[in-house]
Amino acid sequence: MKRPTKSQYYLDIAKAVAMRSTCLRRRFGAVIVKNDQIISTGYNGAPRQTTNCIELGECLRQQRNIPPGQNYELCRAVHAEMNAVIHASRLDMVGADLYLVGIEVETGELVFPGIPCLLCKRVIINAGINRVILPDGPGAFRYIDVDDWTIEERISPRIGE
């Protein structure tokens, strides 16, 4: 049995965290790691003590056929990246890596590319996280330098568009 790389190890943990998601469309899991130590985890789901989509049995964005990446204000969920950042100390996150995995609920397939949305990018920048690591195909990884998003934000106030 081949030993997984560190990137695969933390992405596997992010995938397990994603299984806690309450989203009917896509499950996302995030793991923040610094100095080979897990700082925080998060998955996408409705805010605490509110009704989630699994309990409702419906997704407004899905009902309206809203494509991925649009009209997030209609979504009940707080994103995995945001939840992971909310549950950590900024002092612990400065210089950390964030591992992110998305899973399509219908097919169980990984989401490619599972790049954070505009608001999550801004939260990640403010948290002081250095890199975001995503799966990029079987056994492949995408490493994103958060400084690149900061540069894009200086050039254009609408990162990623």
Protein backbone atom coordinates (compact mmCIF):
# COMPACT_ATOMS: atom_id res chain seq x y z
CA MET A 1 0.00 0.00 0.00
CA LYS A 2 1.43 3.34 -1.07
CA ARG A 3 1.69 6.01 1.61
CA PRO A 4 -0.23 9.18 0.65
CA THR A 5 1.61 12.48 0.22
CA LYS A 6 0.90 15.21 2.76
CA SER A 7 -1.28 17.01 0.20
CA GLN A 8 -3.31 13.85 -0.43
CA TYR A 9 -3.57 13.17 3.31
CA TYR A 10 -5.04 16.60 4.09
CA LEU A 11 -7.28 16.54 1.01
CA ASP A 12 -8.62 13.16 2.17
CA ILE A 13 -9.42 14.74 5.54
CA ALA A 14 -11.14 17.66 3.74
CA LYS A 15 -13.18 15.12 1.76
CA ALA A 16 -14.28 13.43 5.00
CA VAL A 17 -15.19 16.84 6.48
CA ALA A 18 -17.26 17.58 3.34
CA MET A 19 -19.49 14.60 4.12
CA ARG A 20 -20.93 16.62 7.06
CA SER A 21 -22.29 19.20 4.61
CA THR A 22 -26.03 19.90 4.60
CA CYS A 23 -26.08 21.13 1.00
CA LEU A 24 -28.19 19.28 -1.56
CA ARG A 25 -26.02 20.33 -4.54
CA ARG A 26 -22.38 20.24 -3.54
CA ARG A 27 -20.54 19.21 -0.40
CA PHE A 28 -17.37 21.11 0.41
CA GLY A 29 -14.84 20.49 3.16
CA ALA A 30 -11.96 22.73 4.19
CA VAL A 31 -8.97 22.01 6.42
CA ILE A 32 -6.57 24.71 7.59
CA VAL A 33 -3.06 23.38 8.32
CA LYS A 34 0.02 25.11 9.70
CA ASN A 35 3.33 23.44 10.49
CA ASP A 36 1.78 20.03 9.78
CA GLN A 37 -0.90 20.64 12.43
CA ILE A 38 -4.64 20.94 11.71
CA ILE A 39 -5.82 24.34 12.95
CA SER A 40 -9.48 24.15 11.91
CA THR A 41 -12.00 22.42 9.68
CA GLY A 42 -15.26 23.55 8.09
CA TYR A 43 -17.98 22.33 5.78
CA ASN A 44 -20.75 24.12 3.94
CA GLY A 45 -24.03 24.28 5.78
CA ALA A 46 -26.74 26.52 7.18
CA PRO A 47 -25.86 28.76 10.13
CA ARG A 48 -26.17 27.19 13.58
CA GLN A 49 -29.71 26.75 14.91
CA THR A 50 -31.29 27.41 11.50
CA THR A 51 -33.00 24.96 9.17
CA ASN A 52 -30.68 23.46 6.56
CA CYS A 53 -31.46 22.27 3.04
CA ILE A 54 -31.40 18.58 3.96
CA GLU A 55 -34.09 19.25 6.59
CA LEU A 56 -36.09 21.37 4.13
CA GLY A 57 -35.63 18.85 1.34
CA GLU A 58 -35.09 21.61 -1.18
CA CYS A 59 -32.53 24.05 -2.52
CA LEU A 60 -33.73 27.41 -3.79
CA ARG A 61 -30.75 27.79 -6.14
CA GLN A 62 -31.38 24.33 -7.57
CA GLN A 63 -35.10 25.02 -8.01
CA ARG A 64 -34.29 28.18 -9.96
CA ASN A 65 -31.58 26.42 -12.05
CA ILE A 66 -28.95 28.92 -10.89
CA PRO A 67 -25.53 27.84 -12.18
CA PRO A 68 -22.58 27.28 -9.82
CA GLY A 69 -20.80 30.51 -8.91
CA GLN A 70 -23.86 32.77 -9.14
CA ASN A 71 -26.40 34.25 -6.74
CA TYR A 72 -24.87 32.88 -3.55
CA GLU A 73 -27.03 35.30 -1.56
CA LEU A 74 -29.94 32.91 -2.23
CA CYS A 75 -28.06 30.01 -0.62
CA ARG A 76 -28.78 29.07 3.01
CA ALA A 77 -25.24 27.78 3.55
CA VAL A 78 -22.09 29.32 4.96
CA HIS A 79 -19.21 28.09 2.79
CA ALA A 80 -16.69 25.54 4.07
CA GLU A 81 -13.77 27.97 3.79
CA MET A 82 -15.64 30.60 5.82
CA ASN A 83 -16.62 28.09 8.51
CA ALA A 84 -13.01 26.89 8.83
CA VAL A 85 -11.78 30.50 9.19
CA ILE A 86 -14.54 31.37 11.68
CA HIS A 87 -13.44 28.53 13.96
CA ALA A 88 -9.74 29.45 14.04
CA SER A 89 -7.59 32.17 15.51
CA ARG A 90 -6.06 34.54 12.96
CA LEU A 91 -2.71 34.20 14.73
CA ASP A 92 -2.81 30.46 14.01
CA MET A 93 -3.86 30.95 10.38
CA VAL A 94 -1.18 33.43 9.31
CA GLY A 95 1.10 31.49 6.97
CA ALA A 96 -1.16 28.41 6.93
CA ASP A 97 -2.45 26.33 4.02
CA LEU A 98 -6.11 25.66 3.31
CA TYR A 99 -7.05 22.32 1.72
CA LEU A 100 -10.40 22.35 -0.07
CA VAL A 101 -12.44 19.51 -1.58
CA GLY A 102 -15.83 19.69 -3.28
CA ILE A 103 -18.10 16.74 -4.07
CA GLU A 104 -21.10 16.71 -6.42
CA VAL A 105 -24.02 15.31 -4.40
CA GLU A 106 -25.73 13.62 -7.37
CA THR A 107 -22.67 11.81 -8.73
CA GLY A 108 -20.24 11.67 -5.82
CA GLU A 109 -17.55 13.01 -8.19
CA LEU A 110 -15.02 15.62 -7.09
CA VAL A 111 -15.65 19.19 -8.22
CA PHE A 112 -13.00 20.41 -10.69
CA PRO A 113 -11.90 23.11 -10.27
CA GLY A 114 -13.26 23.69 -6.77
CA ILE A 115 -11.86 27.22 -6.59
CA PRO A 116 -13.24 29.42 -3.79
CA CYS A 117 -15.85 32.04 -4.65
CA LEU A 118 -15.07 35.76 -4.58
CA LEU A 119 -16.18 36.26 -0.97
CA CYS A 120 -14.28 33.20 0.26
CA LYS A 121 -11.15 34.43 -1.53
CA ARG A 122 -11.42 37.70 0.38
CA VAL A 123 -11.95 35.89 3.70
CA ILE A 124 -8.89 33.70 2.98
CA ILE A 125 -6.79 36.78 2.17
CA ASN A 126 -7.83 38.48 5.43
CA ALA A 127 -7.17 35.32 7.45
CA GLY A 128 -3.50 35.46 6.39
CA ILE A 129 -3.57 32.04 4.71
CA ASN A 130 -0.66 31.55 2.25
CA ARG A 131 -1.85 28.78 -0.06
CA VAL A 132 -4.98 26.95 -1.11
CA ILE A 133 -4.55 23.34 -2.21
CA LEU A 134 -7.18 21.65 -4.37
CA PRO A 135 -7.46 18.26 -6.06
CA ASP A 136 -6.75 18.64 -9.78
CA GLY A 137 -7.45 15.16 -11.11
CA PRO A 138 -6.51 11.71 -9.84
CA GLY A 139 -3.34 12.05 -7.74
CA ALA A 140 -2.82 15.64 -8.95
CA PHE A 141 -3.04 18.84 -6.93
CA ARG A 142 -3.40 22.54 -7.67
CA TYR A 143 -1.46 24.91 -5.43
CA ILE A 144 -2.77 28.48 -5.42
CA ASP A 145 -0.65 31.26 -3.94
CA VAL A 146 -3.05 33.59 -2.09
CA ASP A 147 -0.70 36.52 -2.86
CA ASP A 148 -1.84 36.15 -6.50
CA TRP A 149 -5.42 36.91 -5.40
CA THR A 150 -4.17 39.95 -3.47
CA ILE A 151 -2.43 41.24 -6.60
CA GLU A 152 -5.59 40.62 -8.67
CA GLU A 153 -7.63 42.49 -6.05
CA ARG A 154 -5.31 45.52 -6.37
CA ILE A 155 -5.67 45.48 -10.15
CA SER A 156 -9.38 44.72 -10.28
CA PRO A 157 -11.75 44.90 -7.30
CA ARG A 158 -13.58 41.80 -8.58
CA ILE A 159 -11.20 38.85 -8.04
CA GLY A 160 -11.68 35.83 -10.24
CA GLU A 161 -13.95 37.29 -12.87
